Amino acid sequence: LFHNREIALAFYLAALTGHGKSTFENFEIINDNYPDFVVM
């Protein structure tokens, strides 16, 4: 669980560059706050 959307976003971006699958318990904190950015 992330309580801060900016920190969650930073780890999301790091996960996109990482090797292997990443999971987020509450991906909604990222997707709900940055939907267009996530799609892009």
Full PDB file with SEQRES, HELIX, SHEET, SSBOND, CRYST1, ORIGX, SCALE, CONECT and MASTER records, all heavy atoms in Angstrom:
SEQRES   1 A   40  LEU PHE HIS ASN ARG GLU ILE ALA LEU ALA PHE TYR LEU          
SEQRES   2 A   40  ALA ALA LEU THR GLY HIS GLY LYS SER THR PHE GLU ASN          
SEQRES   3 A   40  PHE GLU ILE ILE ASN ASP ASN TYR PRO ASP PHE VAL VAL          
SEQRES   4 A   40  MET                                                          
HELIX    1 AA1 ARG A    5  THR A   17  1                                  13    
HELIX    2 AA2 GLU A   28  ASN A   31  1                                   4    
HELIX    3 AA3 PRO A   35  VAL A   39  1                                   5    
CRYST1    1.000    1.000    1.000  90.00  90.00  90.00 P 1           1          
ORIGX1      1.000000  0.000000  0.000000        0.00000                         
ORIGX2      0.000000  1.000000  0.000000        0.00000                         
ORIGX3      0.000000  0.000000  1.000000        0.00000                         
SCALE1      1.000000  0.000000  0.000000        0.00000                         
SCALE2      0.000000  1.000000  0.000000        0.00000                         
SCALE3      0.000000  0.000000  1.000000        0.00000                         
ATOM      1  N   LEU A   1       0.813  -1.193   0.000  1.00  0.00           N  
ATOM      2  CA  LEU A   1       0.000   0.000   0.000  1.00  0.00           C  
ATOM      3  C   LEU A   1       0.862   1.265   0.000  1.00  0.00           C  
ATOM      4  O   LEU A   1       1.782   1.407   0.791  1.00  0.00           O  
ATOM      5  CB  LEU A   1      -0.881  -0.010   1.249  1.00  0.00           C  
ATOM      6  CG  LEU A   1      -1.965   1.031   1.357  1.00  0.00           C  
ATOM      7  CD1 LEU A   1      -2.972   0.868   0.228  1.00  0.00           C  
ATOM      8  CD2 LEU A   1      -2.661   0.880   2.697  1.00  0.00           C  
ATOM      9  N   PHE A   2       0.563   2.176  -0.930  1.00  0.00           N  
ATOM     10  CA  PHE A   2       1.180   3.498  -0.950  1.00  0.00           C  
ATOM     11  C   PHE A   2       0.140   4.502  -0.474  1.00  0.00           C  
ATOM     12  O   PHE A   2      -1.017   4.441  -0.879  1.00  0.00           O  
ATOM     13  CB  PHE A   2       1.609   3.896  -2.369  1.00  0.00           C  
ATOM     14  CG  PHE A   2       2.850   3.205  -2.854  1.00  0.00           C  
ATOM     15  CD1 PHE A   2       2.758   2.101  -3.682  1.00  0.00           C  
ATOM     16  CD2 PHE A   2       4.101   3.680  -2.516  1.00  0.00           C  
ATOM     17  CE1 PHE A   2       3.897   1.473  -4.145  1.00  0.00           C  
ATOM     18  CE2 PHE A   2       5.253   3.066  -2.979  1.00  0.00           C  
ATOM     19  CZ  PHE A   2       5.146   1.958  -3.793  1.00  0.00           C  
ATOM     20  N   HIS A   3       0.542   5.430   0.364  1.00  0.00           N  
ATOM     21  CA  HIS A   3      -0.358   6.478   0.833  1.00  0.00           C  
ATOM     22  C   HIS A   3      -0.106   7.798   0.128  1.00  0.00           C  
ATOM     23  O   HIS A   3      -0.902   8.720   0.244  1.00  0.00           O  
ATOM     24  CB  HIS A   3      -0.213   6.673   2.347  1.00  0.00           C  
ATOM     25  CG  HIS A   3      -0.574   5.451   3.117  1.00  0.00           C  
ATOM     26  ND1 HIS A   3      -1.868   5.026   3.278  1.00  0.00           N  
ATOM     27  CD2 HIS A   3       0.192   4.534   3.742  1.00  0.00           C  
ATOM     28  CE1 HIS A   3      -1.895   3.912   3.985  1.00  0.00           C  
ATOM     29  NE2 HIS A   3      -0.648   3.591   4.274  1.00  0.00           N  
ATOM     30  N   ASN A   4       0.992   7.884  -0.608  1.00  0.00           N  
ATOM     31  CA  ASN A   4       1.375   9.107  -1.291  1.00  0.00           C  
ATOM     32  C   ASN A   4       1.413   8.819  -2.790  1.00  0.00           C  
ATOM     33  O   ASN A   4       2.160   7.963  -3.243  1.00  0.00           O  
ATOM     34  CB  ASN A   4       2.740   9.571  -0.787  1.00  0.00           C  
ATOM     35  CG  ASN A   4       3.208  10.825  -1.453  1.00  0.00           C  
ATOM     36  OD1 ASN A   4       3.497  10.825  -2.647  1.00  0.00           O  
ATOM     37  ND2 ASN A   4       3.298  11.899  -0.698  1.00  0.00           N  
ATOM     38  N   ARG A   5       0.612   9.541  -3.552  1.00  0.00           N  
ATOM     39  CA  ARG A   5       0.511   9.249  -4.988  1.00  0.00           C  
ATOM     40  C   ARG A   5       1.794   9.541  -5.746  1.00  0.00           C  
ATOM     41  O   ARG A   5       2.107   8.884  -6.731  1.00  0.00           O  
ATOM     42  CB  ARG A   5      -0.667   9.993  -5.596  1.00  0.00           C  
ATOM     43  CG  ARG A   5      -0.525  11.494  -5.574  1.00  0.00           C  
ATOM     44  CD  ARG A   5      -1.749  12.176  -6.092  1.00  0.00           C  
ATOM     45  NE  ARG A   5      -1.490  13.614  -6.141  1.00  0.00           N  
ATOM     46  CZ  ARG A   5      -2.397  14.487  -6.422  1.00  0.00           C  
ATOM     47  NH1 ARG A   5      -3.619  14.111  -6.697  1.00  0.00           N  
ATOM     48  NH2 ARG A   5      -2.092  15.762  -6.457  1.00  0.00           N  
ATOM     49  N   GLU A   6       2.574  10.541  -5.307  1.00  0.00           N  
ATOM     50  CA  GLU A   6       3.815  10.864  -6.003  1.00  0.00           C  
ATOM     51  C   GLU A   6       4.864   9.775  -5.793  1.00  0.00           C  
ATOM     52  O   GLU A   6       5.592   9.413  -6.719  1.00  0.00           O  
ATOM     53  CB  GLU A   6       4.352  12.226  -5.564  1.00  0.00           C  
ATOM     54  CG  GLU A   6       3.552  13.407  -6.081  1.00  0.00           C  
ATOM     55  CD  GLU A   6       2.283  13.707  -5.285  1.00  0.00           C  
ATOM     56  OE1 GLU A   6       2.119  13.147  -4.171  1.00  0.00           O  
ATOM     57  OE2 GLU A   6       1.452  14.491  -5.775  1.00  0.00           O  
ATOM     58  N   ILE A   7       4.939   9.232  -4.593  1.00  0.00           N  
ATOM     59  CA  ILE A   7       5.881   8.141  -4.338  1.00  0.00           C  
ATOM     60  C   ILE A   7       5.441   6.891  -5.092  1.00  0.00           C  
ATOM     61  O   ILE A   7       6.259   6.195  -5.694  1.00  0.00           O  
ATOM     62  CB  ILE A   7       6.016   7.879  -2.830  1.00  0.00           C  
ATOM     63  CG1 ILE A   7       6.707   9.080  -2.174  1.00  0.00           C  
ATOM     64  CG2 ILE A   7       6.791   6.588  -2.558  1.00  0.00           C  
ATOM     65  CD1 ILE A   7       6.773   9.027  -0.673  1.00  0.00           C  
ATOM     66  N   ALA A   8       4.148   6.626  -5.105  1.00  0.00           N  
ATOM     67  CA  ALA A   8       3.628   5.491  -5.873  1.00  0.00           C  
ATOM     68  C   ALA A   8       3.980   5.647  -7.350  1.00  0.00           C  
ATOM     69  O   ALA A   8       4.395   4.686  -8.009  1.00  0.00           O  
ATOM     70  CB  ALA A   8       2.121   5.371  -5.688  1.00  0.00           C  
ATOM     71  N   LEU A   9       3.838   6.857  -7.881  1.00  0.00           N  
ATOM     72  CA  LEU A   9       4.164   7.115  -9.285  1.00  0.00           C  
ATOM     73  C   LEU A   9       5.646   6.885  -9.551  1.00  0.00           C  
ATOM     74  O   LEU A   9       6.021   6.309 -10.577  1.00  0.00           O  
ATOM     75  CB  LEU A   9       3.763   8.539  -9.669  1.00  0.00           C  
ATOM     76  CG  LEU A   9       4.032   8.941 -11.119  1.00  0.00           C  
ATOM     77  CD1 LEU A   9       3.224   8.069 -12.084  1.00  0.00           C  
ATOM     78  CD2 LEU A   9       3.707  10.410 -11.317  1.00  0.00           C  
ATOM     79  N   ALA A  10       6.500   7.305  -8.628  1.00  0.00           N  
ATOM     80  CA  ALA A  10       7.944   7.098  -8.806  1.00  0.00           C  
ATOM     81  C   ALA A  10       8.278   5.617  -8.885  1.00  0.00           C  
ATOM     82  O   ALA A  10       9.068   5.189  -9.740  1.00  0.00           O  
ATOM     83  CB  ALA A  10       8.710   7.751  -7.660  1.00  0.00           C  
ATOM     84  N   PHE A  11       7.667   4.797  -8.034  1.00  0.00           N  
ATOM     85  CA  PHE A  11       7.932   3.361  -8.081  1.00  0.00           C  
ATOM     86  C   PHE A  11       7.287   2.708  -9.304  1.00  0.00           C  
ATOM     87  O   PHE A  11       7.812   1.744  -9.851  1.00  0.00           O  
ATOM     88  CB  PHE A  11       7.497   2.681  -6.781  1.00  0.00           C  
ATOM     89  CG  PHE A  11       8.538   2.829  -5.712  1.00  0.00           C  
ATOM     90  CD1 PHE A  11       8.471   3.860  -4.795  1.00  0.00           C  
ATOM     91  CD2 PHE A  11       9.619   1.957  -5.651  1.00  0.00           C  
ATOM     92  CE1 PHE A  11       9.450   4.024  -3.825  1.00  0.00           C  
ATOM     93  CE2 PHE A  11      10.603   2.109  -4.691  1.00  0.00           C  
ATOM     94  CZ  PHE A  11      10.519   3.140  -3.769  1.00  0.00           C  
ATOM     95  N   TYR A  12       6.181   3.240  -9.772  1.00  0.00           N  
ATOM     96  CA  TYR A  12       5.568   2.756 -11.012  1.00  0.00           C  
ATOM     97  C   TYR A  12       6.517   2.976 -12.191  1.00  0.00           C  
ATOM     98  O   TYR A  12       6.743   2.072 -12.994  1.00  0.00           O  
ATOM     99  CB  TYR A  12       4.238   3.466 -11.232  1.00  0.00           C  
ATOM    100  CG  TYR A  12       3.682   3.328 -12.625  1.00  0.00           C  
ATOM    101  CD1 TYR A  12       3.245   2.103 -13.103  1.00  0.00           C  
ATOM    102  CD2 TYR A  12       3.589   4.429 -13.465  1.00  0.00           C  
ATOM    103  CE1 TYR A  12       2.723   1.981 -14.382  1.00  0.00           C  
ATOM    104  CE2 TYR A  12       3.069   4.320 -14.735  1.00  0.00           C  
ATOM    105  CZ  TYR A  12       2.641   3.093 -15.193  1.00  0.00           C  
ATOM    106  OH  TYR A  12       2.135   2.982 -16.457  1.00  0.00           O  
ATOM    107  N   LEU A  13       7.098   4.168 -12.273  1.00  0.00           N  
ATOM    108  CA  LEU A  13       8.046   4.451 -13.361  1.00  0.00           C  
ATOM    109  C   LEU A  13       9.284   3.570 -13.252  1.00  0.00           C  
ATOM    110  O   LEU A  13       9.779   3.063 -14.262  1.00  0.00           O  
ATOM    111  CB  LEU A  13       8.432   5.933 -13.356  1.00  0.00           C  
ATOM    112  CG  LEU A  13       7.314   6.887 -13.739  1.00  0.00           C  
ATOM    113  CD1 LEU A  13       7.739   8.332 -13.524  1.00  0.00           C  
ATOM    114  CD2 LEU A  13       6.874   6.654 -15.169  1.00  0.00           C  
ATOM    115  N   ALA A  14       9.768   3.372 -12.049  1.00  0.00           N  
ATOM    116  CA  ALA A  14      10.917   2.481 -11.859  1.00  0.00           C  
ATOM    117  C   ALA A  14      10.551   1.065 -12.267  1.00  0.00           C  
ATOM    118  O   ALA A  14      11.344   0.365 -12.897  1.00  0.00           O  
ATOM    119  CB  ALA A  14      11.386   2.525 -10.407  1.00  0.00           C  
ATOM    120  N   ALA A  15       9.345   0.626 -11.932  1.00  0.00           N  
ATOM    121  CA  ALA A  15       8.911  -0.730 -12.286  1.00  0.00           C  
ATOM    122  C   ALA A  15       8.815  -0.911 -13.793  1.00  0.00           C  
ATOM    123  O   ALA A  15       9.100  -1.992 -14.317  1.00  0.00           O  
ATOM    124  CB  ALA A  15       7.571  -1.043 -11.626  1.00  0.00           C  
ATOM    125  N   LEU A  16       8.422   0.138 -14.511  1.00  0.00           N  
ATOM    126  CA  LEU A  16       8.353   0.034 -15.969  1.00  0.00           C  
ATOM    127  C   LEU A  16       9.724  -0.216 -16.586  1.00  0.00           C  
ATOM    128  O   LEU A  16       9.826  -0.849 -17.634  1.00  0.00           O  
ATOM    129  CB  LEU A  16       7.741   1.304 -16.571  1.00  0.00           C  
ATOM    130  CG  LEU A  16       6.237   1.452 -16.459  1.00  0.00           C  
ATOM    131  CD1 LEU A  16       5.814   2.813 -17.000  1.00  0.00           C  
ATOM    132  CD2 LEU A  16       5.507   0.342 -17.188  1.00  0.00           C  
ATOM    133  N   THR A  17      10.764   0.277 -15.948  1.00  0.00           N  
ATOM    134  CA  THR A  17      12.108   0.074 -16.473  1.00  0.00           C  
ATOM    135  C   THR A  17      12.745  -1.205 -15.939  1.00  0.00           C  
ATOM    136  O   THR A  17      13.771  -1.629 -16.429  1.00  0.00           O  
ATOM    137  CB  THR A  17      13.039   1.253 -16.123  1.00  0.00           C  
ATOM    138  OG1 THR A  17      13.224   1.310 -14.707  1.00  0.00           O  
ATOM    139  CG2 THR A  17      12.464   2.566 -16.611  1.00  0.00           C  
ATOM    140  N   GLY A  18      12.132  -1.802 -14.927  1.00  0.00           N  
ATOM    141  CA  GLY A  18      12.703  -2.986 -14.284  1.00  0.00           C  
ATOM    142  C   GLY A  18      12.498  -4.260 -15.081  1.00  0.00           C  
ATOM    143  O   GLY A  18      11.717  -4.315 -16.034  1.00  0.00           O  
ATOM    144  N   HIS A  19      13.214  -5.275 -14.662  1.00  0.00           N  
ATOM    145  CA  HIS A  19      13.104  -6.599 -15.264  1.00  0.00           C  
ATOM    146  C   HIS A  19      12.267  -7.465 -14.338  1.00  0.00           C  
ATOM    147  O   HIS A  19      12.488  -7.491 -13.136  1.00  0.00           O  
ATOM    148  CB  HIS A  19      14.491  -7.226 -15.457  1.00  0.00           C  
ATOM    149  CG  HIS A  19      15.323  -6.440 -16.407  1.00  0.00           C  
ATOM    150  ND1 HIS A  19      15.190  -6.529 -17.771  1.00  0.00           N  
ATOM    151  CD2 HIS A  19      16.283  -5.510 -16.193  1.00  0.00           C  
ATOM    152  CE1 HIS A  19      16.034  -5.709 -18.346  1.00  0.00           C  
ATOM    153  NE2 HIS A  19      16.720  -5.075 -17.409  1.00  0.00           N  
ATOM    154  N   GLY A  20      11.334  -8.171 -14.898  1.00  0.00           N  
ATOM    155  CA  GLY A  20      10.458  -8.998 -14.081  1.00  0.00           C  
ATOM    156  C   GLY A  20       9.167  -8.265 -13.786  1.00  0.00           C  
ATOM    157  O   GLY A  20       9.045  -7.049 -13.943  1.00  0.00           O  
ATOM    158  N   LYS A  21       8.189  -9.019 -13.354  1.00  0.00           N  
ATOM    159  CA  LYS A  21       6.864  -8.474 -13.096  1.00  0.00           C  
ATOM    160  C   LYS A  21       6.829  -7.738 -11.762  1.00  0.00           C  
ATOM    161  O   LYS A  21       7.429  -8.166 -10.787  1.00  0.00           O  
ATOM    162  CB  LYS A  21       5.833  -9.597 -13.079  1.00  0.00           C  
ATOM    163  CG  LYS A  21       4.427  -9.106 -12.938  1.00  0.00           C  
ATOM    164  CD  LYS A  21       3.428 -10.226 -13.043  1.00  0.00           C  
ATOM    165  CE  LYS A  21       2.031  -9.653 -12.929  1.00  0.00           C  
ATOM    166  NZ  LYS A  21       1.015 -10.674 -13.099  1.00  0.00           N  
ATOM    167  N   SER A  22       6.109  -6.636 -11.748  1.00  0.00           N  
ATOM    168  CA  SER A  22       5.870  -5.877 -10.522  1.00  0.00           C  
ATOM    169  C   SER A  22       4.373  -5.845 -10.267  1.00  0.00           C  
ATOM    170  O   SER A  22       3.574  -5.807 -11.201  1.00  0.00           O  
ATOM    171  CB  SER A  22       6.383  -4.446 -10.648  1.00  0.00           C  
ATOM    172  OG  SER A  22       7.774  -4.417 -10.712  1.00  0.00           O  
ATOM    173  N   THR A  23       4.002  -5.877  -9.004  1.00  0.00           N  
ATOM    174  CA  THR A  23       2.596  -5.757  -8.639  1.00  0.00           C  
ATOM    175  C   THR A  23       2.452  -4.639  -7.618  1.00  0.00           C  
ATOM    176  O   THR A  23       3.346  -4.390  -6.817  1.00  0.00           O  
ATOM    177  CB  THR A  23       2.045  -7.067  -8.043  1.00  0.00           C  
ATOM    178  OG1 THR A  23       2.809  -7.415  -6.892  1.00  0.00           O  
ATOM    179  CG2 THR A  23       2.109  -8.204  -9.055  1.00  0.00           C  
ATOM    180  N   PHE A  24       1.310  -3.974  -7.685  1.00  0.00           N  
ATOM    181  CA  PHE A  24       0.984  -2.899  -6.763  1.00  0.00           C  
ATOM    182  C   PHE A  24      -0.323  -3.260  -6.081  1.00  0.00           C  
ATOM    183  O   PHE A  24      -1.317  -3.529  -6.744  1.00  0.00           O  
ATOM    184  CB  PHE A  24       0.828  -1.566  -7.515  1.00  0.00           C  
ATOM    185  CG  PHE A  24       2.122  -1.000  -8.010  1.00  0.00           C  
ATOM    186  CD1 PHE A  24       2.711  -1.482  -9.174  1.00  0.00           C  
ATOM    187  CD2 PHE A  24       2.759  -0.003  -7.321  1.00  0.00           C  
ATOM    188  CE1 PHE A  24       3.907  -0.962  -9.624  1.00  0.00           C  
ATOM    189  CE2 PHE A  24       3.948   0.535  -7.759  1.00  0.00           C  
ATOM    190  CZ  PHE A  24       4.530   0.041  -8.917  1.00  0.00           C  
ATOM    191  N   GLU A  25      -0.321  -3.233  -4.748  1.00  0.00           N  
ATOM    192  CA  GLU A  25      -1.517  -3.594  -3.987  1.00  0.00           C  
ATOM    193  C   GLU A  25      -2.683  -2.671  -4.312  1.00  0.00           C  
ATOM    194  O   GLU A  25      -3.819  -3.102  -4.402  1.00  0.00           O  
ATOM    195  CB  GLU A  25      -1.214  -3.545  -2.488  1.00  0.00           C  
ATOM    196  CG  GLU A  25      -2.369  -3.982  -1.625  1.00  0.00           C  
ATOM    197  CD  GLU A  25      -2.015  -3.976  -0.162  1.00  0.00           C  
ATOM    198  OE1 GLU A  25      -0.901  -4.401   0.196  1.00  0.00           O  
ATOM    199  OE2 GLU A  25      -2.856  -3.524   0.631  1.00  0.00           O  
ATOM    200  N   ASN A  26      -2.414  -1.402  -4.481  1.00  0.00           N  
ATOM    201  CA  ASN A  26      -3.480  -0.435  -4.779  1.00  0.00           C  
ATOM    202  C   ASN A  26      -3.080   0.431  -5.967  1.00  0.00           C  
ATOM    203  O   ASN A  26      -2.872   1.628  -5.835  1.00  0.00           O  
ATOM    204  CB  ASN A  26      -3.806   0.410  -3.548  1.00  0.00           C  
ATOM    205  CG  ASN A  26      -2.646   1.291  -3.120  1.00  0.00           C  
ATOM    206  OD1 ASN A  26      -1.488   0.944  -3.314  1.00  0.00           O  
ATOM    207  ND2 ASN A  26      -2.943   2.438  -2.553  1.00  0.00           N  
ATOM    208  N   PHE A  27      -3.008  -0.177  -7.141  1.00  0.00           N  
ATOM    209  CA  PHE A  27      -2.603   0.555  -8.337  1.00  0.00           C  
ATOM    210  C   PHE A  27      -3.542   1.733  -8.622  1.00  0.00           C  
ATOM    211  O   PHE A  27      -3.177   2.679  -9.303  1.00  0.00           O  
ATOM    212  CB  PHE A  27      -2.542  -0.382  -9.539  1.00  0.00           C  
ATOM    213  CG  PHE A  27      -1.951   0.259 -10.759  1.00  0.00           C  
ATOM    214  CD1 PHE A  27      -0.605   0.543 -10.812  1.00  0.00           C  
ATOM    215  CD2 PHE A  27      -2.748   0.593 -11.837  1.00  0.00           C  
ATOM    216  CE1 PHE A  27      -0.044   1.158 -11.927  1.00  0.00           C  
ATOM    217  CE2 PHE A  27      -2.202   1.198 -12.958  1.00  0.00           C  
ATOM    218  CZ  PHE A  27      -0.849   1.479 -12.996  1.00  0.00           C  
ATOM    219  N   GLU A  28      -4.737   1.699  -8.045  1.00  0.00           N  
ATOM    220  CA  GLU A  28      -5.704   2.771  -8.269  1.00  0.00           C  
ATOM    221  C   GLU A  28      -5.163   4.137  -7.857  1.00  0.00           C  
ATOM    222  O   GLU A  28      -5.531   5.145  -8.458  1.00  0.00           O  
ATOM    223  CB  GLU A  28      -7.006   2.495  -7.501  1.00  0.00           C  
ATOM    224  CG  GLU A  28      -7.745   1.267  -7.969  1.00  0.00           C  
ATOM    225  CD  GLU A  28      -7.179  -0.047  -7.428  1.00  0.00           C  
ATOM    226  OE1 GLU A  28      -6.453  -0.034  -6.407  1.00  0.00           O  
ATOM    227  OE2 GLU A  28      -7.441  -1.074  -8.051  1.00  0.00           O  
ATOM    228  N   ILE A  29      -4.306   4.191  -6.847  1.00  0.00           N  
ATOM    229  CA  ILE A  29      -3.760   5.487  -6.428  1.00  0.00           C  
ATOM    230  C   ILE A  29      -2.971   6.131  -7.569  1.00  0.00           C  
ATOM    231  O   ILE A  29      -2.934   7.346  -7.696  1.00  0.00           O  
ATOM    232  CB  ILE A  29      -2.881   5.360  -5.151  1.00  0.00           C  
ATOM    233  CG1 ILE A  29      -2.617   6.745  -4.546  1.00  0.00           C  
ATOM    234  CG2 ILE A  29      -1.574   4.657  -5.439  1.00  0.00           C  
ATOM    235  CD1 ILE A  29      -1.969   6.724  -3.183  1.00  0.00           C  
ATOM    236  N   ILE A  30      -2.395   5.322  -8.428  1.00  0.00           N  
ATOM    237  CA  ILE A  30      -1.668   5.842  -9.591  1.00  0.00           C  
ATOM    238  C   ILE A  30      -2.644   6.060 -10.740  1.00  0.00           C  
ATOM    239  O   ILE A  30      -2.713   7.137 -11.322  1.00  0.00           O  
ATOM    240  CB  ILE A  30      -0.550   4.871 -10.013  1.00  0.00           C  
ATOM    241  CG1 ILE A  30       0.435   4.637  -8.865  1.00  0.00           C  
ATOM    242  CG2 ILE A  30       0.173   5.388 -11.261  1.00  0.00           C  
ATOM    243  CD1 ILE A  30       1.357   3.467  -9.067  1.00  0.00           C  
ATOM    244  N   ASN A  31      -3.402   5.032 -11.061  1.00  0.00           N  
ATOM    245  CA  ASN A  31      -4.293   5.074 -12.218  1.00  0.00           C  
ATOM    246  C   ASN A  31      -5.375   6.141 -12.084  1.00  0.00           C  
ATOM    247  O   ASN A  31      -5.707   6.811 -13.053  1.00  0.00           O  
ATOM    248  CB  ASN A  31      -4.920   3.704 -12.440  1.00  0.00           C  
ATOM    249  CG  ASN A  31      -5.415   3.520 -13.845  1.00  0.00           C  
ATOM    250  OD1 ASN A  31      -4.799   4.003 -14.792  1.00  0.00           O  
ATOM    251  ND2 ASN A  31      -6.509   2.821 -13.992  1.00  0.00           N  
ATOM    252  N   ASP A  32      -5.928   6.331 -10.874  1.00  0.00           N  
ATOM    253  CA  ASP A  32      -6.978   7.330 -10.675  1.00  0.00           C  
ATOM    254  C   ASP A  32      -6.441   8.759 -10.718  1.00  0.00           C  
ATOM    255  O   ASP A  32      -7.153   9.681 -11.120  1.00  0.00           O  
ATOM    256  CB  ASP A  32      -7.683   7.114  -9.332  1.00  0.00           C  
ATOM    257  CG  ASP A  32      -8.528   5.843  -9.313  1.00  0.00           C  
ATOM    258  OD1 ASP A  32      -8.722   5.223 -10.372  1.00  0.00           O  
ATOM    259  OD2 ASP A  32      -8.974   5.469  -8.212  1.00  0.00           O  
ATOM    260  N   ASN A  33      -5.198   8.959 -10.301  1.00  0.00           N  
ATOM    261  CA  ASN A  33      -4.618  10.299 -10.263  1.00  0.00           C  
ATOM    262  C   ASN A  33      -3.889  10.688 -11.545  1.00  0.00           C  
ATOM    263  O   ASN A  33      -3.733  11.877 -11.834  1.00  0.00           O  
ATOM    264  CB  ASN A  33      -3.663  10.432  -9.073  1.00  0.00           C  
ATOM    265  CG  ASN A  33      -4.415  10.483  -7.761  1.00  0.00           C  
ATOM    266  OD1 ASN A  33      -5.029  11.491  -7.452  1.00  0.00           O  
ATOM    267  ND2 ASN A  33      -4.399   9.403  -7.008  1.00  0.00           N  
ATOM    268  N   TYR A  34      -3.421   9.718 -12.293  1.00  0.00           N  
ATOM    269  CA  TYR A  34      -2.635   9.986 -13.508  1.00  0.00           C  
ATOM    270  C   TYR A  34      -3.097   9.081 -14.662  1.00  0.00           C  
ATOM    271  O   TYR A  34      -2.281   8.414 -15.295  1.00  0.00           O  
ATOM    272  CB  TYR A  34      -1.150   9.733 -13.245  1.00  0.00           C  
ATOM    273  CG  TYR A  34      -0.600  10.469 -12.049  1.00  0.00           C  
ATOM    274  CD1 TYR A  34      -0.409   9.818 -10.835  1.00  0.00           C  
ATOM    275  CD2 TYR A  34      -0.269  11.815 -12.128  1.00  0.00           C  
ATOM    276  CE1 TYR A  34       0.104  10.489  -9.726  1.00  0.00           C  
ATOM    277  CE2 TYR A  34       0.239  12.501 -11.031  1.00  0.00           C  
ATOM    278  CZ  TYR A  34       0.420  11.824  -9.839  1.00  0.00           C  
ATOM    279  OH  TYR A  34       0.916  12.491  -8.759  1.00  0.00           O  
ATOM    280  N   PRO A  35      -4.390   9.031 -14.982  1.00  0.00           N  
ATOM    281  CA  PRO A  35      -4.868   8.055 -15.973  1.00  0.00           C  
ATOM    282  C   PRO A  35      -4.264   8.228 -17.365  1.00  0.00           C  
ATOM    283  O   PRO A  35      -3.878   7.241 -17.995  1.00  0.00           O  
ATOM    284  CB  PRO A  35      -6.378   8.256 -15.985  1.00  0.00           C  
ATOM    285  CG  PRO A  35      -6.590   9.640 -15.468  1.00  0.00           C  
ATOM    286  CD  PRO A  35      -5.469   9.877 -14.494  1.00  0.00           C  
ATOM    287  N   ASP A  36      -4.172   9.453 -17.857  1.00  0.00           N  
ATOM    288  CA  ASP A  36      -3.607   9.673 -19.191  1.00  0.00           C  
ATOM    289  C   ASP A  36      -2.119   9.336 -19.224  1.00  0.00           C  
ATOM    290  O   ASP A  36      -1.621   8.780 -20.198  1.00  0.00           O  
ATOM    291  CB  ASP A  36      -3.821  11.121 -19.641  1.00  0.00           C  
ATOM    292  CG  ASP A  36      -5.293  11.460 -19.796  1.00  0.00           C  
ATOM    293  OD1 ASP A  36      -6.096  10.530 -20.048  1.00  0.00           O  
ATOM    294  OD2 ASP A  36      -5.649  12.645 -19.664  1.00  0.00           O  
ATOM    295  N   PHE A  37      -1.426   9.671 -18.153  1.00  0.00           N  
ATOM    296  CA  PHE A  37      -0.005   9.382 -18.060  1.00  0.00           C  
ATOM    297  C   PHE A  37       0.237   7.873 -18.047  1.00  0.00           C  
ATOM    298  O   PHE A  37       1.148   7.380 -18.706  1.00  0.00           O  
ATOM    299  CB  PHE A  37       0.573  10.031 -16.802  1.00  0.00           C  
ATOM    300  CG  PHE A  37       2.061   9.929 -16.700  1.00  0.00           C  
ATOM    301  CD1 PHE A  37       2.881  10.699 -17.503  1.00  0.00           C  
ATOM    302  CD2 PHE A  37       2.648   9.047 -15.803  1.00  0.00           C  
ATOM    303  CE1 PHE A  37       4.256  10.611 -17.416  1.00  0.00           C  
ATOM    304  CE2 PHE A  37       4.017   8.947 -15.704  1.00  0.00           C  
ATOM    305  CZ  PHE A  37       4.831   9.732 -16.511  1.00  0.00           C  
ATOM    306  N   VAL A  38      -0.585   7.129 -17.322  1.00  0.00           N  
ATOM    307  CA  VAL A  38      -0.445   5.670 -17.262  1.00  0.00           C  
ATOM    308  C   VAL A  38      -0.624   5.059 -18.648  1.00  0.00           C  
ATOM    309  O   VAL A  38       0.182   4.235 -19.078  1.00  0.00           O  
ATOM    310  CB  VAL A  38      -1.442   5.056 -16.250  1.00  0.00           C  
ATOM    311  CG1 VAL A  38      -1.501   3.543 -16.383  1.00  0.00           C  
ATOM    312  CG2 VAL A  38      -1.072   5.452 -14.832  1.00  0.00           C  
ATOM    313  N   VAL A  39      -1.651   5.474 -19.365  1.00  0.00           N  
ATOM    314  CA  VAL A  39      -1.882   4.943 -20.722  1.00  0.00           C  
ATOM    315  C   VAL A  39      -0.690   5.263 -21.618  1.00  0.00           C  
ATOM    316  O   VAL A  39      -0.193   4.400 -22.345  1.00  0.00           O  
ATOM    317  CB  VAL A  39      -3.193   5.512 -21.311  1.00  0.00           C  
ATOM    318  CG1 VAL A  39      -3.312   5.187 -22.789  1.00  0.00           C  
ATOM    319  CG2 VAL A  39      -4.392   4.967 -20.547  1.00  0.00           C  
ATOM    320  N   MET A  40      -0.206   6.502 -21.565  1.00  0.00           N  
ATOM    321  CA  MET A  40       0.929   6.900 -22.397  1.00  0.00           C  
ATOM    322  C   MET A  40       2.178   6.077 -22.069  1.00  0.00           C  
ATOM    323  O   MET A  40       2.841   5.569 -22.952  1.00  0.00           O  
ATOM    324  CB  MET A  40       1.224   8.386 -22.207  1.00  0.00           C  
ATOM    325  CG  MET A  40       2.395   8.887 -23.035  1.00  0.00           C  
ATOM    326  SD  MET A  40       2.762  10.626 -22.751  1.00  0.00           S  
ATOM    327  CE  MET A  40       3.352  10.599 -21.063  1.00  0.00           C  
TER     328      MET A  40                                                      
MASTER        0    0    0    3    0    0    0    6  327    1    0    4          
END                                                                             
